Structure formats: structure tokens, C-alpha cells
N, C-alpha and C. Protein backbone atom coordinates (compact mmCIF):
# COMPACT_ATOMS: atom_id res chain seq x y z
N MET A 1 239.91 167.30 2.99
CA MET A 1 239.35 168.66 3.61
C MET A 1 239.05 169.47 2.66
N ASP A 2 238.11 170.19 2.69
CA ASP A 2 237.60 171.30 1.48
C ASP A 2 238.61 172.41 2.02
N GLU A 3 238.56 173.36 1.02
CA GLU A 3 239.49 174.71 1.08
C GLU A 3 239.04 175.35 2.37
N VAL A 4 237.64 175.61 2.64
CA VAL A 4 237.00 176.28 3.74
C VAL A 4 237.45 175.93 4.99
N SER A 5 237.30 174.42 5.29
CA SER A 5 237.79 174.15 6.48
C SER A 5 239.24 174.36 6.84
N GLN A 6 240.11 174.50 5.87
CA GLN A 6 241.46 174.69 6.09
C GLN A 6 241.79 176.14 6.32
N THR A 7 240.97 177.02 5.93
CA THR A 7 241.16 178.51 6.10
C THR A 7 240.71 179.07 7.48
N PHE A 8 239.74 178.58 8.30
CA PHE A 8 239.12 179.00 9.18
C PHE A 8 239.46 178.20 10.23
N LEU A 9 239.85 178.83 11.77
CA LEU A 9 239.93 178.03 12.92
C LEU A 9 238.69 177.50 13.43
N PRO A 10 238.87 176.55 13.95
CA PRO A 10 237.68 175.79 14.60
C PRO A 10 236.85 177.09 15.74
N PRO A 11 235.75 176.91 15.92
CA PRO A 11 234.95 178.17 16.64
C PRO A 11 235.62 178.50 17.98
N ALA A 12 236.07 177.44 18.72
CA ALA A 12 236.60 177.49 20.20
C ALA A 12 238.02 178.17 20.00
N GLU A 13 238.90 177.89 19.13
CA GLU A 13 240.01 178.53 18.88
C GLU A 13 239.77 180.14 18.41
N TRP A 14 238.99 180.37 17.35
CA TRP A 14 238.65 181.53 16.84
C TRP A 14 238.11 182.38 18.08
N TYR A 15 237.32 182.13 18.91
CA TYR A 15 236.80 182.81 19.99
C TYR A 15 237.99 183.22 20.92
N ALA A 16 238.82 182.11 21.23
CA ALA A 16 239.74 182.37 22.06
C ALA A 16 241.07 183.47 21.55
N SER A 17 240.99 183.55 20.12
CA SER A 17 242.02 184.56 19.76
C SER A 17 241.44 186.02 19.52
N LEU A 18 240.12 186.09 19.78
CA LEU A 18 239.71 187.72 19.75
C LEU A 18 240.33 188.52 20.77
N PRO A 19 240.20 189.77 20.64
CA PRO A 19 240.54 190.64 21.55
C PRO A 19 239.66 190.80 22.50
N THR A 20 240.14 191.33 23.80
CA THR A 20 238.98 191.38 25.09
C THR A 20 239.25 192.78 25.48
N VAL A 21 238.19 193.13 26.24
CA VAL A 21 238.02 194.58 27.26
C VAL A 21 237.73 193.94 28.59
N HIS A 22 237.99 195.05 29.50
CA HIS A 22 237.61 194.77 30.71
C HIS A 22 236.30 195.70 30.72
N VAL A 23 235.18 195.32 31.62
CA VAL A 23 234.03 195.93 31.58
C VAL A 23 233.80 196.23 33.01
N SER A 24 233.01 197.39 33.39
CA SER A 24 232.63 197.83 34.88
C SER A 24 231.15 198.54 34.40
N ALA A 25 230.50 198.41 35.61
CA ALA A 25 229.01 199.01 35.27
C ALA A 25 228.81 199.99 36.67
N CYS A 26 228.22 201.17 36.59
CA CYS A 26 227.80 201.80 37.51
C CYS A 26 226.50 202.45 37.63
N MET A 27 225.95 203.02 38.75
CA MET A 27 224.72 203.72 38.78
C MET A 27 224.64 204.98 39.24
N LEU A 28 224.12 205.97 38.36
CA LEU A 28 223.87 207.17 38.68
C LEU A 28 222.75 207.30 39.90
N LEU A 29 223.04 207.86 40.83
CA LEU A 29 221.89 208.13 41.87
C LEU A 29 222.04 209.47 42.48
N THR A 30 220.88 210.04 42.60
CA THR A 30 220.93 211.54 43.02
C THR A 30 219.74 211.47 44.07
N ASP A 31 219.80 212.89 44.64
CA ASP A 31 219.09 212.98 46.18
C ASP A 31 217.99 213.98 45.51
N ASP A 32 216.86 214.43 46.47
CA ASP A 32 216.07 215.04 46.36
C ASP A 32 216.47 216.64 45.71
N ALA A 33 217.59 217.16 46.27
CA ALA A 33 218.26 218.19 45.57
C ALA A 33 218.92 218.15 44.45
N ASP A 34 218.74 217.08 43.73
CA ASP A 34 219.62 216.84 42.52
C ASP A 34 221.01 216.85 42.64
N HIS A 35 221.74 216.25 43.66
CA HIS A 35 223.06 216.06 43.80
C HIS A 35 223.30 214.70 43.66
N VAL A 36 224.55 214.47 42.98
CA VAL A 36 225.06 213.17 42.58
C VAL A 36 225.65 212.30 43.76
N LEU A 37 225.40 211.20 43.90
CA LEU A 37 226.00 210.30 44.90
C LEU A 37 227.34 209.56 44.31
N LEU A 38 228.53 209.88 45.03
CA LEU A 38 229.70 209.34 44.88
C LEU A 38 230.06 208.69 45.95
N VAL A 39 230.95 207.60 45.69
CA VAL A 39 231.65 206.87 46.59
C VAL A 39 233.05 207.06 46.81
N LYS A 40 233.62 206.99 48.15
CA LYS A 40 235.12 207.04 48.29
C LYS A 40 235.72 205.67 48.50
N PRO A 41 236.43 204.97 47.49
CA PRO A 41 236.84 203.72 47.81
C PRO A 41 238.16 203.70 48.67
N ASN A 42 238.25 202.82 49.44
CA ASN A 42 239.49 202.93 50.52
C ASN A 42 240.72 202.46 49.73
N TYR A 43 240.54 202.03 48.77
CA TYR A 43 241.66 201.56 47.64
C TYR A 43 242.13 202.30 46.79
N ARG A 44 241.41 203.49 46.60
CA ARG A 44 241.69 204.35 45.48
C ARG A 44 241.86 205.97 46.15
N SER A 45 242.63 206.68 45.37
CA SER A 45 242.73 208.12 46.08
C SER A 45 241.51 209.16 45.30
N TYR A 46 240.62 208.65 44.58
CA TYR A 46 239.78 209.56 44.20
C TYR A 46 238.19 208.77 44.46
N TRP A 47 237.47 209.68 44.02
CA TRP A 47 235.92 209.28 44.37
C TRP A 47 235.41 208.70 43.16
N ALA A 48 234.18 208.05 43.23
CA ALA A 48 233.61 207.17 41.93
C ALA A 48 232.19 207.20 41.94
N VAL A 49 231.73 206.88 40.97
CA VAL A 49 230.28 206.77 40.80
C VAL A 49 230.07 205.41 41.13
N PRO A 50 229.11 204.89 42.24
CA PRO A 50 228.84 203.46 42.76
C PRO A 50 228.78 202.46 41.70
N GLY A 51 229.63 201.36 41.85
CA GLY A 51 229.57 200.41 40.84
C GLY A 51 230.88 199.57 41.03
N GLY A 52 231.09 198.72 39.72
CA GLY A 52 232.38 197.86 39.92
C GLY A 52 232.38 197.16 38.66
N ILE A 53 233.43 196.25 38.87
CA ILE A 53 233.68 195.32 37.77
C ILE A 53 232.57 194.13 37.50
N VAL A 54 232.35 194.00 36.29
CA VAL A 54 231.47 192.78 35.94
C VAL A 54 232.02 191.69 36.14
N ASP A 55 231.45 190.83 36.82
CA ASP A 55 231.90 189.25 36.97
C ASP A 55 231.81 188.67 35.73
N ASP A 56 232.64 187.52 35.34
CA ASP A 56 232.39 186.80 34.44
C ASP A 56 231.11 186.20 34.07
N GLY A 57 230.62 186.48 32.75
CA GLY A 57 229.40 185.99 32.39
C GLY A 57 228.32 186.98 32.91
N GLU A 58 228.48 187.95 33.65
CA GLU A 58 227.48 188.84 34.27
C GLU A 58 227.07 189.99 33.35
N PRO A 59 225.81 190.39 33.03
CA PRO A 59 225.38 191.48 32.41
C PRO A 59 225.71 192.69 33.10
N PRO A 60 225.94 193.77 32.44
CA PRO A 60 226.29 194.91 32.99
C PRO A 60 225.34 195.49 33.97
N HIS A 61 224.24 195.42 33.51
CA HIS A 61 223.04 196.21 34.29
C HIS A 61 222.66 195.34 35.47
N LEU A 62 222.99 193.99 35.72
CA LEU A 62 222.93 193.11 36.82
C LEU A 62 223.99 193.69 37.61
N CYS A 63 225.21 193.77 37.26
CA CYS A 63 226.39 194.12 37.92
C CYS A 63 226.23 195.62 38.62
N ALA A 64 225.55 196.48 37.86
CA ALA A 64 225.30 197.88 38.53
C ALA A 64 224.42 197.54 39.91
N VAL A 65 223.37 196.91 39.49
CA VAL A 65 222.38 196.67 40.76
C VAL A 65 222.83 195.73 41.83
N ARG A 66 223.90 194.85 41.55
CA ARG A 66 224.50 194.20 42.37
C ARG A 66 225.44 195.06 43.38
N GLU A 67 226.23 195.80 42.59
CA GLU A 67 227.19 196.56 43.43
C GLU A 67 226.48 197.72 44.16
N VAL A 68 225.46 198.37 43.57
CA VAL A 68 224.93 199.42 44.58
C VAL A 68 224.18 198.60 45.82
N GLY A 69 223.64 197.58 45.76
CA GLY A 69 223.24 196.70 47.05
C GLY A 69 224.48 196.23 47.81
N GLU A 70 225.67 195.88 47.12
CA GLU A 70 226.93 195.41 48.15
C GLU A 70 227.38 196.74 48.64
N GLU A 71 227.61 197.84 48.15
CA GLU A 71 228.49 198.79 48.39
C GLU A 71 227.49 199.74 49.47
N LEU A 72 226.28 200.02 49.03
CA LEU A 72 225.39 200.86 49.78
C LEU A 72 224.28 200.35 50.69
N GLY A 73 223.94 198.99 50.20
CA GLY A 73 222.80 198.36 50.99
C GLY A 73 221.70 199.00 50.50
N LEU A 74 221.50 199.50 49.14
CA LEU A 74 220.47 199.86 48.73
C LEU A 74 220.00 198.93 47.40
N GLN A 75 218.43 198.79 47.66
CA GLN A 75 217.84 197.85 46.37
C GLN A 75 217.12 198.99 45.64
N VAL A 76 217.86 199.36 44.44
CA VAL A 76 217.11 200.51 43.67
C VAL A 76 216.62 199.76 42.18
N ARG A 77 215.60 200.42 41.59
CA ARG A 77 215.23 199.78 40.33
C ARG A 77 216.08 200.38 39.22
N LEU A 78 216.43 199.54 38.54
CA LEU A 78 217.32 199.74 37.45
C LEU A 78 216.52 200.76 36.34
N GLY A 79 217.27 202.07 35.79
CA GLY A 79 216.65 202.81 35.12
C GLY A 79 217.18 202.53 33.55
N ALA A 80 217.24 203.70 32.91
CA ALA A 80 217.91 203.46 31.46
C ALA A 80 219.42 203.51 31.57
N LEU A 81 219.91 202.80 30.23
CA LEU A 81 221.22 203.20 30.08
C LEU A 81 221.70 204.55 29.91
N LEU A 82 222.48 205.23 30.59
CA LEU A 82 222.94 206.72 30.19
C LEU A 82 224.24 206.82 29.60
N VAL A 83 225.00 206.15 29.73
CA VAL A 83 226.50 206.50 29.19
C VAL A 83 227.07 205.16 29.17
N VAL A 84 227.90 204.99 27.96
CA VAL A 84 228.73 203.95 27.55
C VAL A 84 230.07 204.58 27.46
N ASP A 85 231.10 204.50 28.03
CA ASP A 85 232.30 204.93 27.94
C ASP A 85 233.46 204.14 27.67
N TRP A 86 234.34 204.19 26.52
CA TRP A 86 235.38 203.29 26.05
C TRP A 86 236.64 204.17 26.44
N ALA A 87 237.54 203.24 27.15
CA ALA A 87 238.73 204.03 27.66
C ALA A 87 239.78 202.93 27.17
N PRO A 88 240.98 203.62 26.41
CA PRO A 88 242.14 202.77 26.08
C PRO A 88 242.89 202.12 27.25
N PRO A 89 243.74 201.07 27.03
CA PRO A 89 244.64 200.64 27.90
C PRO A 89 245.19 201.84 28.53
N LEU A 90 245.54 201.64 29.77
CA LEU A 90 246.28 202.78 30.70
C LEU A 90 247.23 202.07 31.85
N GLY A 91 248.51 202.81 31.86
CA GLY A 91 249.15 202.12 33.04
C GLY A 91 249.11 200.53 32.84
N ASP A 92 249.18 200.25 34.12
CA ASP A 92 249.18 198.56 34.32
C ASP A 92 248.13 197.84 33.65
N ARG A 93 246.79 198.34 33.26
CA ARG A 93 245.79 197.96 32.65
C ARG A 93 246.27 197.75 31.15
N PRO A 94 246.22 196.37 30.70
CA PRO A 94 246.64 196.14 29.38
C PRO A 94 245.65 196.33 28.20
N ARG A 95 244.50 196.28 28.74
CA ARG A 95 243.09 196.16 27.86
C ARG A 95 242.32 197.39 27.90
N PRO A 96 241.60 197.64 27.13
CA PRO A 96 240.58 198.74 26.97
C PRO A 96 239.69 198.52 28.22
N MET A 97 238.83 199.58 28.60
CA MET A 97 237.84 199.33 29.76
C MET A 97 236.53 199.97 28.96
N MET A 98 235.59 199.10 29.07
CA MET A 98 234.19 199.78 28.70
C MET A 98 233.22 199.86 30.06
N ASN A 99 232.73 201.08 30.15
CA ASN A 99 232.14 201.37 31.52
C ASN A 99 230.65 201.49 31.06
N PHE A 100 229.77 201.15 31.77
CA PHE A 100 228.18 201.31 31.49
C PHE A 100 227.80 202.11 32.86
N ILE A 101 227.13 203.17 32.51
CA ILE A 101 226.40 204.13 33.58
C ILE A 101 224.83 203.94 33.60
N PHE A 102 224.15 203.33 34.39
CA PHE A 102 222.74 203.37 34.33
C PHE A 102 221.94 204.29 35.42
N ASP A 103 220.93 204.55 34.97
CA ASP A 103 220.22 205.42 36.02
C ASP A 103 219.45 204.83 37.06
N GLY A 104 219.83 205.07 38.48
CA GLY A 104 219.36 204.48 39.48
C GLY A 104 218.27 205.29 40.29
N GLY A 105 217.93 206.44 39.67
CA GLY A 105 216.85 207.32 40.02
C GLY A 105 217.31 208.21 41.26
N ILE A 106 216.27 208.60 42.02
CA ILE A 106 216.37 209.38 43.31
C ILE A 106 216.29 208.72 44.38
N ILE A 107 217.27 208.94 45.38
CA ILE A 107 217.30 208.43 46.60
C ILE A 107 216.66 209.38 47.69
N THR A 108 215.53 209.18 47.86
CA THR A 108 214.59 210.10 48.82
C THR A 108 214.87 210.13 50.15
N ASP A 109 215.36 208.92 50.75
CA ASP A 109 215.95 208.87 52.12
C ASP A 109 217.29 208.55 52.28
N PRO A 110 218.44 209.25 52.37
CA PRO A 110 219.77 208.77 52.26
C PRO A 110 220.16 208.18 53.61
N SER A 111 219.21 208.09 54.44
CA SER A 111 219.53 207.27 55.77
C SER A 111 219.36 205.74 55.53
N ARG A 112 219.10 205.28 54.43
CA ARG A 112 218.96 203.84 53.97
C ARG A 112 220.19 203.53 53.61
N ILE A 113 221.33 204.34 53.40
CA ILE A 113 222.40 203.90 52.74
C ILE A 113 223.00 203.22 54.15
N ARG A 114 223.57 202.18 53.67
CA ARG A 114 224.40 201.29 54.41
C ARG A 114 225.87 200.93 53.91
N LEU A 115 226.66 201.69 54.27
CA LEU A 115 228.20 201.95 53.62
C LEU A 115 229.01 200.50 53.85
N GLN A 116 229.33 199.96 52.77
CA GLN A 116 230.41 198.64 52.91
C GLN A 116 231.70 198.97 53.42
N THR A 117 231.98 199.05 54.74
CA THR A 117 233.08 199.82 54.97
C THR A 117 234.53 198.92 54.56
N ASP A 118 234.41 197.68 54.12
CA ASP A 118 235.53 196.90 53.91
C ASP A 118 236.16 197.57 52.69
N GLU A 119 235.04 198.25 51.53
CA GLU A 119 235.74 198.79 50.47
C GLU A 119 235.56 200.40 50.41
N LEU A 120 234.74 200.85 51.25
CA LEU A 120 234.33 202.21 51.09
C LEU A 120 234.78 203.08 52.35
N ASP A 121 235.18 204.12 52.12
CA ASP A 121 235.36 205.04 53.24
C ASP A 121 234.05 205.89 53.31
N ALA A 122 233.49 206.38 52.30
CA ALA A 122 232.34 207.42 52.61
C ALA A 122 231.52 207.35 51.28
N ALA A 123 230.32 207.96 51.45
CA ALA A 123 229.55 208.20 50.53
C ALA A 123 228.92 209.41 50.54
N GLN A 124 228.95 210.53 49.51
CA GLN A 124 228.37 211.58 49.76
C GLN A 124 227.58 212.18 48.47
N PHE A 125 226.75 212.92 48.58
CA PHE A 125 226.14 213.62 47.68
C PHE A 125 226.68 215.11 47.19
N TRP A 126 227.10 215.22 46.12
CA TRP A 126 227.66 216.33 45.63
C TRP A 126 227.00 217.05 44.51
N PRO A 127 226.93 218.59 44.35
CA PRO A 127 226.30 219.10 43.23
C PRO A 127 227.21 218.70 41.85
N TRP A 128 226.45 218.51 40.93
CA TRP A 128 226.75 218.05 39.71
C TRP A 128 228.18 218.73 39.41
N ASP A 129 228.47 219.75 39.19
CA ASP A 129 229.78 220.46 38.85
C ASP A 129 230.87 219.95 39.69
N GLU A 130 230.52 219.98 41.01
CA GLU A 130 231.63 219.39 41.94
C GLU A 130 231.73 218.18 41.87
N ALA A 131 230.86 217.36 41.68
CA ALA A 131 230.94 215.74 41.55
C ALA A 131 231.94 215.57 40.38
N ALA A 132 232.08 216.05 39.37
CA ALA A 132 232.80 215.80 38.06
C ALA A 132 234.32 215.93 38.51
N THR A 133 234.75 217.28 39.53
CA THR A 133 235.89 217.36 39.90
C THR A 133 236.58 216.34 40.92
N LYS A 134 235.77 215.62 41.39
CA LYS A 134 235.99 214.46 42.27
C LYS A 134 236.50 213.23 41.71
N LEU A 135 236.25 213.18 40.46
CA LEU A 135 236.74 211.85 39.71
C LEU A 135 238.19 212.25 38.99
N PRO A 136 238.78 211.29 38.58
CA PRO A 136 240.18 211.52 37.95
C PRO A 136 239.41 212.07 36.46
N ALA A 137 240.84 212.86 35.78
CA ALA A 137 240.44 213.36 34.54
C ALA A 137 239.98 212.39 33.61
N THR A 138 240.25 210.99 33.57
CA THR A 138 240.12 209.98 32.63
C THR A 138 238.47 209.66 32.75
N THR A 139 237.70 209.98 33.90
CA THR A 139 236.36 209.47 33.94
C THR A 139 235.48 210.63 34.36
N ALA A 140 236.07 211.92 34.42
CA ALA A 140 235.14 213.01 34.68
C ALA A 140 234.03 213.37 33.83
N ALA A 141 234.21 213.24 32.61
CA ALA A 141 233.42 213.35 31.80
C ALA A 141 231.99 212.65 31.58
N ARG A 142 232.12 211.56 32.42
CA ARG A 142 230.89 210.80 32.64
C ARG A 142 230.05 211.64 33.57
N ILE A 143 230.12 212.44 34.38
CA ILE A 143 229.21 213.08 35.12
C ILE A 143 228.25 213.90 34.20
N PRO A 144 228.85 215.07 33.56
CA PRO A 144 228.14 215.61 32.72
C PRO A 144 227.45 214.96 31.41
N ALA A 145 227.99 214.12 30.97
CA ALA A 145 227.40 213.16 29.91
C ALA A 145 226.14 212.49 30.48
N ALA A 146 226.00 211.87 31.89
CA ALA A 146 225.11 211.20 32.74
C ALA A 146 223.98 212.10 32.86
N ARG A 147 224.44 213.40 33.19
CA ARG A 147 223.18 214.61 33.46
C ARG A 147 222.32 214.84 32.08
N ALA A 148 223.26 214.96 31.10
CA ALA A 148 222.64 215.00 29.51
C ALA A 148 221.78 213.90 29.30
N ALA A 149 222.32 212.75 29.44
CA ALA A 149 221.58 211.64 29.07
C ALA A 149 220.17 211.41 29.69
N ARG A 150 220.31 211.85 30.96
CA ARG A 150 219.01 211.45 31.97
C ARG A 150 218.25 212.67 31.24
N LYS A 151 218.49 214.09 31.15
CA LYS A 151 217.82 214.98 30.82
C LYS A 151 217.06 214.69 29.52
N ASN A 152 217.89 214.35 28.40
CA ASN A 152 217.42 214.07 27.14
C ASN A 152 216.68 212.64 26.82
N GLN A 153 216.87 211.68 27.86
CA GLN A 153 216.25 210.53 27.77
C GLN A 153 217.20 209.72 26.46
N GLN A 154 218.50 210.06 26.59
CA GLN A 154 219.26 209.37 25.21
C GLN A 154 220.46 209.09 25.88
N THR A 155 220.99 207.71 25.41
CA THR A 155 222.24 207.13 26.11
C THR A 155 223.22 207.83 25.18
N ILE A 156 224.39 208.21 25.96
CA ILE A 156 225.74 209.13 25.35
C ILE A 156 226.70 208.13 25.19
N PHE A 157 227.44 208.11 23.92
CA PHE A 157 228.74 207.26 23.98
C PHE A 157 229.80 208.46 24.23
N LEU A 158 230.94 207.99 25.01
CA LEU A 158 232.02 208.65 25.24
C LEU A 158 233.19 207.82 24.51
N PRO A 159 233.44 208.35 23.52
CA PRO A 159 235.01 207.78 22.86
C PRO A 159 235.93 208.30 23.69
N ALA A 160 236.93 207.67 23.34
CA ALA A 160 238.32 207.69 24.05
C ALA A 160 239.16 209.03 23.72
N GLU A 161 238.55 210.26 23.98
CA GLU A 161 239.14 211.46 23.88
C GLU A 161 239.59 211.97 25.14
N GLN A 162 240.60 211.20 25.91
CA GLN A 162 240.78 211.54 27.20
C GLN A 162 242.33 212.20 27.08
N PRO A 163 242.59 212.78 28.13
CA PRO A 163 244.15 213.37 28.24
C PRO A 163 244.99 212.22 28.40
N ASP A 164 246.23 212.58 27.92
CA ASP A 164 247.23 211.69 28.06
C ASP A 164 247.46 211.58 29.72
N GLN A 165 247.71 210.31 30.31
CA GLN A 165 247.93 210.38 31.64
C GLN A 165 249.28 209.34 31.78
N PRO A 166 250.06 209.76 32.76
CA PRO A 166 251.24 208.80 32.97
C PRO A 166 250.72 207.80 33.57
N ASP A 167 251.68 206.62 33.60
CA ASP A 167 251.35 205.37 34.08
C ASP A 167 250.88 205.66 35.57
N GLN A 168 249.62 205.09 35.92
CA GLN A 168 249.04 205.18 37.15
C GLN A 168 248.78 203.90 38.05
N PRO A 169 249.12 203.50 39.03
CA PRO A 169 248.60 202.55 39.78
C PRO A 169 247.22 202.52 40.15
N ASP A 170 246.72 203.75 40.20
CA ASP A 170 245.31 204.24 40.85
C ASP A 170 244.39 204.15 39.61
N GLN A 171 244.23 203.18 38.57
CA GLN A 171 243.56 203.29 37.39
C GLN A 171 242.09 203.25 37.93
N PRO A 172 241.33 204.25 37.30
CA PRO A 172 239.93 204.37 37.30
C PRO A 172 239.11 203.12 36.50
N PHE A 173 238.01 202.73 37.50
CA PHE A 173 237.18 201.59 36.50
C PHE A 173 235.82 202.41 36.70
N CYS A 174 235.40 202.85 37.72
CA CYS A 174 233.85 203.59 37.89
C CYS A 174 233.91 204.94 38.36
């Protein structure tokens, strides 16, 4: 064997040794009054931007569309990537979390929403400032970032400058 093949792992072993992250994807939806749609999961104590965990091998943008369809019964056109948020490990979550927020546009007829009641207790439109207060401190910055990104038509990256949080079983993902 030459020196190169002795120093490097075979590709399958090398890829298996790399660090990993958890990935979630969400969709920003607003109404005609420019209020933000949030959902209230029945398994969490806080409100969230509609979305969820990316399935194995699923692209984030398709996850966002799928989750909005499953959670709200809406088929929406995928818009621009607004926010990418990186969060460090927290509580029981041993890996960092990457969250992608895509623009889902304006819901002109909220009566089309069909809430998935096995996972959600409610869906409600909130003014931007109030919407941010409904999310945990670790994800609240996503709301003003999504608003700025939509307005400026430029994706915003949120680095992990988040407040220290005690171990929480109720860890946010969207």
C-alpha cells in the first residue's frame, strides 16, 4: 500500500465519522393584514412557525411545503429562502439544529386552513411584534429576521447568539 491509502479512511468510514446536525424547515405565511401565521403544537408549550423536522434525505424546501400541507391543509407556492438559523445543542438535543424558513406568501383566504388536530391545537395570525413574543427566546429572532429578509429580498443568517437556557424538555425546532 502506498502512504496515501494508509492515511485516509475509506469514504464510507470517513462520512460516518463526520459530525451531524438536526435539520428543520418552516414556512412564513402572512394574511392580507400582514400578520404572521403561527401554529400551537399540542406537544409543546409555545407557538411555532409552521414546519417541522426534515425527513432523512429530504431537501429542506420540500419539507417546508410538505409540513404546511400536512399541518394546515394548504398547498402553497414555495418562495425564497428567508432565514437560516443555527442553534447549538440544547438540553436533551445532543447536536446543533439548522432551521430554514422559506417564504410561503400571503394566505388570502384563511378559511382554507384545515388544522391537523393530532399535532396542533390552533393556528392564528399575529402582528409581527406579538408573533415574536409567542416563540421561545431561542427562536424569537427568526420572526423579525424573516420580516427583514422578505422586505429586502435577501436571506438572513442567524448565528447562535442566543441566551443561555436551562435544560428544557420542550426544545424548539420551528
